[in-house]
Amino acid sequence: MKATFKVPKTKKGWISLGLVIFTLLIGIWPIIHLFNQEILIFGMPLLMFWSIIIIIVTTSVMVIINKIGGVE
């Protein structure tokens, strides 16, 4: 089976792809390195707080993509 990558054909598709790429970028090493410090926010280390933010952003992006994609 030949593996292929299909690019989006609509503006909504490109926006969705951009949101997914943005979400992936905030969770990779260079960004995580910025938050790996000995700072407490609400009693949690900054890195744990950032991890919770990433979960919230990921969930929000999935909801937005479902809304613009017309899935109810």
PDB file of N, CA and C in Angstrom:
ATOM      1  N   MET A   1       0.838  -1.163   0.000  1.00  0.00           N
ATOM      2  CA  MET A   1       0.000   0.000   0.000  1.00  0.00           C
ATOM      3  C   MET A   1       0.894   1.241   0.000  1.00  0.00           C
ATOM      4  N   LYS A   2       0.577   2.174  -0.867  1.00  0.00           N
ATOM      5  CA  LYS A   2       1.371   3.380  -0.991  1.00  0.00           C
ATOM      6  C   LYS A   2       0.852   4.445  -0.014  1.00  0.00           C
ATOM      7  N   ALA A   3       1.741   4.958   0.811  1.00  0.00           N
ATOM      8  CA  ALA A   3       1.360   6.000   1.762  1.00  0.00           C
ATOM      9  C   ALA A   3       1.452   7.359   1.083  1.00  0.00           C
ATOM     10  N   THR A   4       0.409   8.138   1.208  1.00  0.00           N
ATOM     11  CA  THR A   4       0.402   9.474   0.623  1.00  0.00           C
ATOM     12  C   THR A   4      -0.066  10.476   1.671  1.00  0.00           C
ATOM     13  N   PHE A   5       0.282  11.723   1.439  1.00  0.00           N
ATOM     14  CA  PHE A   5      -0.150  12.807   2.304  1.00  0.00           C
ATOM     15  C   PHE A   5      -1.052  13.710   1.482  1.00  0.00           C
ATOM     16  N   LYS A   6      -2.252  13.905   1.949  1.00  0.00           N
ATOM     17  CA  LYS A   6      -3.192  14.769   1.235  1.00  0.00           C
ATOM     18  C   LYS A   6      -3.226  16.135   1.901  1.00  0.00           C
ATOM     19  N   VAL A   7      -3.067  17.160   1.100  1.00  0.00           N
ATOM     20  CA  VAL A   7      -3.145  18.516   1.632  1.00  0.00           C
ATOM     21  C   VAL A   7      -4.601  18.983   1.602  1.00  0.00           C
ATOM     22  N   PRO A   8      -4.957  19.883   2.512  1.00  0.00           N
ATOM     23  CA  PRO A   8      -6.336  20.391   2.515  1.00  0.00           C
ATOM     24  C   PRO A   8      -6.642  21.150   1.231  1.00  0.00           C
ATOM     25  N   LYS A   9      -7.887  21.116   0.841  1.00  0.00           N
ATOM     26  CA  LYS A   9      -8.293  21.794  -0.391  1.00  0.00           C
ATOM     27  C   LYS A   9      -9.135  23.042  -0.119  1.00  0.00           C
ATOM     28  N   THR A  10      -9.602  23.202   1.116  1.00  0.00           N
ATOM     29  CA  THR A  10     -10.444  24.345   1.451  1.00  0.00           C
ATOM     30  C   THR A  10      -9.765  25.232   2.486  1.00  0.00           C
ATOM     31  N   LYS A  11     -10.301  26.442   2.629  1.00  0.00           N
ATOM     32  CA  LYS A  11      -9.783  27.373   3.626  1.00  0.00           C
ATOM     33  C   LYS A  11      -9.988  26.804   5.030  1.00  0.00           C
ATOM     34  N   LYS A  12     -11.135  26.174   5.263  1.00  0.00           N
ATOM     35  CA  LYS A  12     -11.406  25.563   6.567  1.00  0.00           C
ATOM     36  C   LYS A  12     -10.405  24.451   6.866  1.00  0.00           C
ATOM     37  N   GLY A  13     -10.038  23.702   5.858  1.00  0.00           N
ATOM     38  CA  GLY A  13      -9.059  22.634   6.025  1.00  0.00           C
ATOM     39  C   GLY A  13      -7.688  23.166   6.400  1.00  0.00           C
ATOM     40  N   TRP A  14      -7.282  24.261   5.757  1.00  0.00           N
ATOM     41  CA  TRP A  14      -5.983  24.864   6.070  1.00  0.00           C
ATOM     42  C   TRP A  14      -5.975  25.452   7.478  1.00  0.00           C
ATOM     43  N   ILE A  15      -7.087  26.066   7.871  1.00  0.00           N
ATOM     44  CA  ILE A  15      -7.178  26.599   9.237  1.00  0.00           C
ATOM     45  C   ILE A  15      -7.081  25.465  10.244  1.00  0.00           C
ATOM     46  N   SER A  16      -7.775  24.368   9.973  1.00  0.00           N
ATOM     47  CA  SER A  16      -7.728  23.215  10.869  1.00  0.00           C
ATOM     48  C   SER A  16      -6.307  22.658  10.970  1.00  0.00           C
ATOM     49  N   LEU A  17      -5.631  22.532   9.848  1.00  0.00           N
ATOM     50  CA  LEU A  17      -4.253  22.043   9.851  1.00  0.00           C
ATOM     51  C   LEU A  17      -3.335  22.992  10.626  1.00  0.00           C
ATOM     52  N   GLY A  18      -3.536  24.284  10.442  1.00  0.00           N
ATOM     53  CA  GLY A  18      -2.742  25.266  11.173  1.00  0.00           C
ATOM     54  C   GLY A  18      -2.948  25.168  12.678  1.00  0.00           C
ATOM     55  N   LEU A  19      -4.187  24.954  13.108  1.00  0.00           N
ATOM     56  CA  LEU A  19      -4.473  24.803  14.532  1.00  0.00           C
ATOM     57  C   LEU A  19      -3.801  23.558  15.105  1.00  0.00           C
ATOM     58  N   VAL A  20      -3.828  22.476  14.354  1.00  0.00           N
ATOM     59  CA  VAL A  20      -3.190  21.234  14.822  1.00  0.00           C
ATOM     60  C   VAL A  20      -1.679  21.414  14.911  1.00  0.00           C
ATOM     61  N   ILE A  21      -1.089  22.044  13.918  1.00  0.00           N
ATOM     62  CA  ILE A  21       0.361  22.278  13.940  1.00  0.00           C
ATOM     63  C   ILE A  21       0.738  23.198  15.101  1.00  0.00           C
ATOM     64  N   PHE A  22      -0.055  24.239  15.343  1.00  0.00           N
ATOM     65  CA  PHE A  22       0.194  25.132  16.476  1.00  0.00           C
ATOM     66  C   PHE A  22       0.162  24.361  17.791  1.00  0.00           C
ATOM     67  N   THR A  23      -0.826  23.492  17.947  1.00  0.00           N
ATOM     68  CA  THR A  23      -0.948  22.703  19.173  1.00  0.00           C
ATOM     69  C   THR A  23       0.248  21.778  19.344  1.00  0.00           C
ATOM     70  N   LEU A  24       0.705  21.189  18.271  1.00  0.00           N
ATOM     71  CA  LEU A  24       1.891  20.334  18.354  1.00  0.00           C
ATOM     72  C   LEU A  24       3.140  21.135  18.706  1.00  0.00           C
ATOM     73  N   LEU A  25       3.264  22.320  18.152  1.00  0.00           N
ATOM     74  CA  LEU A  25       4.464  23.129  18.389  1.00  0.00           C
ATOM     75  C   LEU A  25       4.581  23.594  19.839  1.00  0.00           C
ATOM     76  N   ILE A  26       3.464  23.853  20.514  1.00  0.00           N
ATOM     77  CA  ILE A  26       3.567  24.318  21.901  1.00  0.00           C
ATOM     78  C   ILE A  26       3.907  23.180  22.858  1.00  0.00           C
ATOM     79  N   GLY A  27       3.923  21.947  22.357  1.00  0.00           N
ATOM     80  CA  GLY A  27       4.227  20.822  23.216  1.00  0.00           C
ATOM     81  C   GLY A  27       5.540  20.128  22.918  1.00  0.00           C
ATOM     82  N   ILE A  28       6.385  20.730  22.068  1.00  0.00           N
ATOM     83  CA  ILE A  28       7.650  20.071  21.743  1.00  0.00           C
ATOM     84  C   ILE A  28       8.794  20.667  22.549  1.00  0.00           C
ATOM     85  N   TRP A  29       9.950  20.092  22.432  1.00  0.00           N
ATOM     86  CA  TRP A  29      11.080  20.354  23.317  1.00  0.00           C
ATOM     87  C   TRP A  29      11.470  21.825  23.482  1.00  0.00           C
ATOM     88  N   PRO A  30      11.684  22.624  22.446  1.00  0.00           N
ATOM     89  CA  PRO A  30      12.153  23.986  22.733  1.00  0.00           C
ATOM     90  C   PRO A  30      11.193  24.777  23.624  1.00  0.00           C
ATOM     91  N   ILE A  31       9.920  24.600  23.446  1.00  0.00           N
ATOM     92  CA  ILE A  31       8.942  25.324  24.258  1.00  0.00           C
ATOM     93  C   ILE A  31       8.905  24.738  25.670  1.00  0.00           C
ATOM     94  N   ILE A  32       8.918  23.429  25.783  1.00  0.00           N
ATOM     95  CA  ILE A  32       8.897  22.778  27.094  1.00  0.00           C
ATOM     96  C   ILE A  32      10.120  23.207  27.912  1.00  0.00           C
ATOM     97  N   HIS A  33      11.249  23.368  27.255  1.00  0.00           N
ATOM     98  CA  HIS A  33      12.475  23.784  27.947  1.00  0.00           C
ATOM     99  C   HIS A  33      12.294  25.152  28.623  1.00  0.00           C
ATOM    100  N   LEU A  34      11.516  26.025  28.017  1.00  0.00           N
ATOM    101  CA  LEU A  34      11.265  27.342  28.602  1.00  0.00           C
ATOM    102  C   LEU A  34      10.481  27.251  29.915  1.00  0.00           C
ATOM    103  N   PHE A  35       9.645  26.226  30.042  1.00  0.00           N
ATOM    104  CA  PHE A  35       8.782  26.085  31.212  1.00  0.00           C
ATOM    105  C   PHE A  35       9.350  25.134  32.265  1.00  0.00           C
ATOM    106  N   ASN A  36      10.523  24.597  32.036  1.00  0.00           N
ATOM    107  CA  ASN A  36      11.131  23.675  32.989  1.00  0.00           C
ATOM    108  C   ASN A  36      11.959  24.478  33.996  1.00  0.00           C
ATOM    109  N   GLN A  37      11.242  25.176  34.889  1.00  0.00           N
ATOM    110  CA  GLN A  37      11.882  26.034  35.874  1.00  0.00           C
ATOM    111  C   GLN A  37      11.288  25.750  37.250  1.00  0.00           C
ATOM    112  N   GLU A  38      11.987  26.200  38.267  1.00  0.00           N
ATOM    113  CA  GLU A  38      11.533  25.978  39.635  1.00  0.00           C
ATOM    114  C   GLU A  38      10.631  27.117  40.094  1.00  0.00           C
ATOM    115  N   ILE A  39       9.505  27.263  39.415  1.00  0.00           N
ATOM    116  CA  ILE A  39       8.519  28.291  39.742  1.00  0.00           C
ATOM    117  C   ILE A  39       7.212  27.571  40.062  1.00  0.00           C
ATOM    118  N   LEU A  40       6.530  28.008  41.107  1.00  0.00           N
ATOM    119  CA  LEU A  40       5.256  27.404  41.478  1.00  0.00           C
ATOM    120  C   LEU A  40       4.105  28.318  41.070  1.00  0.00           C
ATOM    121  N   ILE A  41       3.106  27.737  40.448  1.00  0.00           N
ATOM    122  CA  ILE A  41       1.870  28.426  40.109  1.00  0.00           C
ATOM    123  C   ILE A  41       0.734  27.581  40.663  1.00  0.00           C
ATOM    124  N   PHE A  42      -0.059  28.165  41.539  1.00  0.00           N
ATOM    125  CA  PHE A  42      -1.145  27.448  42.212  1.00  0.00           C
ATOM    126  C   PHE A  42      -0.632  26.187  42.905  1.00  0.00           C
ATOM    127  N   GLY A  43       0.585  26.238  43.410  1.00  0.00           N
ATOM    128  CA  GLY A  43       1.166  25.115  44.126  1.00  0.00           C
ATOM    129  C   GLY A  43       1.720  24.011  43.243  1.00  0.00           C
ATOM    130  N   MET A  44       1.728  24.233  41.933  1.00  0.00           N
ATOM    131  CA  MET A  44       2.267  23.239  40.997  1.00  0.00           C
ATOM    132  C   MET A  44       3.515  23.797  40.333  1.00  0.00           C
ATOM    133  N   PRO A  45       4.450  22.926  39.983  1.00  0.00           N
ATOM    134  CA  PRO A  45       5.597  23.398  39.199  1.00  0.00           C
ATOM    135  C   PRO A  45       5.126  23.963  37.860  1.00  0.00           C
ATOM    136  N   LEU A  46       5.884  24.907  37.343  1.00  0.00           N
ATOM    137  CA  LEU A  46       5.507  25.574  36.091  1.00  0.00           C
ATOM    138  C   LEU A  46       5.304  24.580  34.952  1.00  0.00           C
ATOM    139  N   LEU A  47       6.135  23.545  34.882  1.00  0.00           N
ATOM    140  CA  LEU A  47       6.011  22.551  33.807  1.00  0.00           C
ATOM    141  C   LEU A  47       4.699  21.781  33.902  1.00  0.00           C
ATOM    142  N   MET A  48       4.261  21.455  35.110  1.00  0.00           N
ATOM    143  CA  MET A  48       2.979  20.759  35.278  1.00  0.00           C
ATOM    144  C   MET A  48       1.829  21.684  34.891  1.00  0.00           C
ATOM    145  N   PHE A  49       1.917  22.949  35.264  1.00  0.00           N
ATOM    146  CA  PHE A  49       0.897  23.925  34.887  1.00  0.00           C
ATOM    147  C   PHE A  49       0.823  24.053  33.360  1.00  0.00           C
ATOM    148  N   TRP A  50       1.986  24.101  32.691  1.00  0.00           N
ATOM    149  CA  TRP A  50       2.030  24.189  31.228  1.00  0.00           C
ATOM    150  C   TRP A  50       1.415  22.941  30.580  1.00  0.00           C
ATOM    151  N   SER A  51       1.632  21.781  31.191  1.00  0.00           N
ATOM    152  CA  SER A  51       1.045  20.546  30.670  1.00  0.00           C
ATOM    153  C   SER A  51      -0.470  20.608  30.721  1.00  0.00           C
ATOM    154  N   ILE A  52      -1.011  21.172  31.785  1.00  0.00           N
ATOM    155  CA  ILE A  52      -2.468  21.321  31.891  1.00  0.00           C
ATOM    156  C   ILE A  52      -2.974  22.302  30.838  1.00  0.00           C
ATOM    157  N   ILE A  53      -2.234  23.370  30.603  1.00  0.00           N
ATOM    158  CA  ILE A  53      -2.603  24.332  29.561  1.00  0.00           C
ATOM    159  C   ILE A  53      -2.620  23.652  28.193  1.00  0.00           C
ATOM    160  N   ILE A  54      -1.646  22.804  27.922  1.00  0.00           N
ATOM    161  CA  ILE A  54      -1.604  22.100  26.638  1.00  0.00           C
ATOM    162  C   ILE A  54      -2.830  21.191  26.483  1.00  0.00           C
ATOM    163  N   ILE A  55      -3.245  20.526  27.541  1.00  0.00           N
ATOM    164  CA  ILE A  55      -4.438  19.679  27.485  1.00  0.00           C
ATOM    165  C   ILE A  55      -5.667  20.519  27.172  1.00  0.00           C
ATOM    166  N   ILE A  56      -5.782  21.675  27.820  1.00  0.00           N
ATOM    167  CA  ILE A  56      -6.928  22.564  27.571  1.00  0.00           C
ATOM    168  C   ILE A  56      -6.907  23.081  26.142  1.00  0.00           C
ATOM    169  N   VAL A  57      -5.732  23.483  25.653  1.00  0.00           N
ATOM    170  CA  VAL A  57      -5.617  23.985  24.274  1.00  0.00           C
ATOM    171  C   VAL A  57      -5.947  22.881  23.276  1.00  0.00           C
ATOM    172  N   THR A  58      -5.459  21.672  23.510  1.00  0.00           N
ATOM    173  CA  THR A  58      -5.735  20.555  22.605  1.00  0.00           C
ATOM    174  C   THR A  58      -7.241  20.268  22.526  1.00  0.00           C
ATOM    175  N   THR A  59      -7.886  20.244  23.666  1.00  0.00           N
ATOM    176  CA  THR A  59      -9.334  20.011  23.694  1.00  0.00           C
ATOM    177  C   THR A  59     -10.070  21.135  22.974  1.00  0.00           C
ATOM    178  N   SER A  60      -9.669  22.374  23.219  1.00  0.00           N
ATOM    179  CA  SER A  60     -10.309  23.517  22.563  1.00  0.00           C
ATOM    180  C   SER A  60     -10.128  23.469  21.051  1.00  0.00           C
ATOM    181  N   VAL A  61      -8.935  23.116  20.610  1.00  0.00           N
ATOM    182  CA  VAL A  61      -8.673  23.026  19.170  1.00  0.00           C
ATOM    183  C   VAL A  61      -9.547  21.942  18.537  1.00  0.00           C
ATOM    184  N   MET A  62      -9.709  20.810  19.216  1.00  0.00           N
ATOM    185  CA  MET A  62     -10.575  19.756  18.673  1.00  0.00           C
ATOM    186  C   MET A  62     -12.021  20.236  18.557  1.00  0.00           C
ATOM    187  N   VAL A  63     -12.496  20.985  19.539  1.00  0.00           N
ATOM    188  CA  VAL A  63     -13.865  21.519  19.498  1.00  0.00           C
ATOM    189  C   VAL A  63     -13.996  22.517  18.352  1.00  0.00           C
ATOM    190  N   ILE A  64     -13.011  23.401  18.193  1.00  0.00           N
ATOM    191  CA  ILE A  64     -13.047  24.391  17.107  1.00  0.00           C
ATOM    192  C   ILE A  64     -13.044  23.706  15.748  1.00  0.00           C
ATOM    193  N   ILE A  65     -12.195  22.693  15.585  1.00  0.00           N
ATOM    194  CA  ILE A  65     -12.141  21.991  14.294  1.00  0.00           C
ATOM    195  C   ILE A  65     -13.470  21.298  14.010  1.00  0.00           C
ATOM    196  N   ASN A  66     -14.092  20.713  15.030  1.00  0.00           N
ATOM    197  CA  ASN A  66     -15.406  20.098  14.825  1.00  0.00           C
ATOM    198  C   ASN A  66     -16.445  21.140  14.431  1.00  0.00           C
ATOM    199  N   LYS A  67     -16.385  22.329  15.014  1.00  0.00           N
ATOM    200  CA  LYS A  67     -17.353  23.393  14.676  1.00  0.00           C
ATOM    201  C   LYS A  67     -17.155  23.890  13.241  1.00  0.00           C
ATOM    202  N   ILE A  68     -15.915  24.157  12.838  1.00  0.00           N
ATOM    203  CA  ILE A  68     -15.705  24.657  11.486  1.00  0.00           C
ATOM    204  C   ILE A  68     -15.821  23.569  10.436  1.00  0.00           C
ATOM    205  N   GLY A  69     -15.689  22.330  10.853  1.00  0.00           N
ATOM    206  CA  GLY A  69     -15.841  21.223   9.916  1.00  0.00           C
ATOM    207  C   GLY A  69     -17.285  20.802   9.717  1.00  0.00           C
ATOM    208  N   GLY A  70     -18.164  21.344  10.530  1.00  0.00           N
ATOM    209  CA  GLY A  70     -19.589  21.028  10.384  1.00  0.00           C
ATOM    210  C   GLY A  70     -20.025  19.781  11.106  1.00  0.00           C
ATOM    211  N   VAL A  71     -19.174  19.193  11.926  1.00  0.00           N
ATOM    212  CA  VAL A  71     -19.534  18.003  12.672  1.00  0.00           C
ATOM    213  C   VAL A  71     -20.258  18.435  13.934  1.00  0.00           C
ATOM    214  N   GLU A  72     -21.415  17.814  14.197  1.00  0.00           N
ATOM    215  CA  GLU A  72     -22.176  18.194  15.386  1.00  0.00           C
ATOM    216  C   GLU A  72     -22.235  17.078  16.376  1.00  0.00           C
TER     217      GLU A  72
END
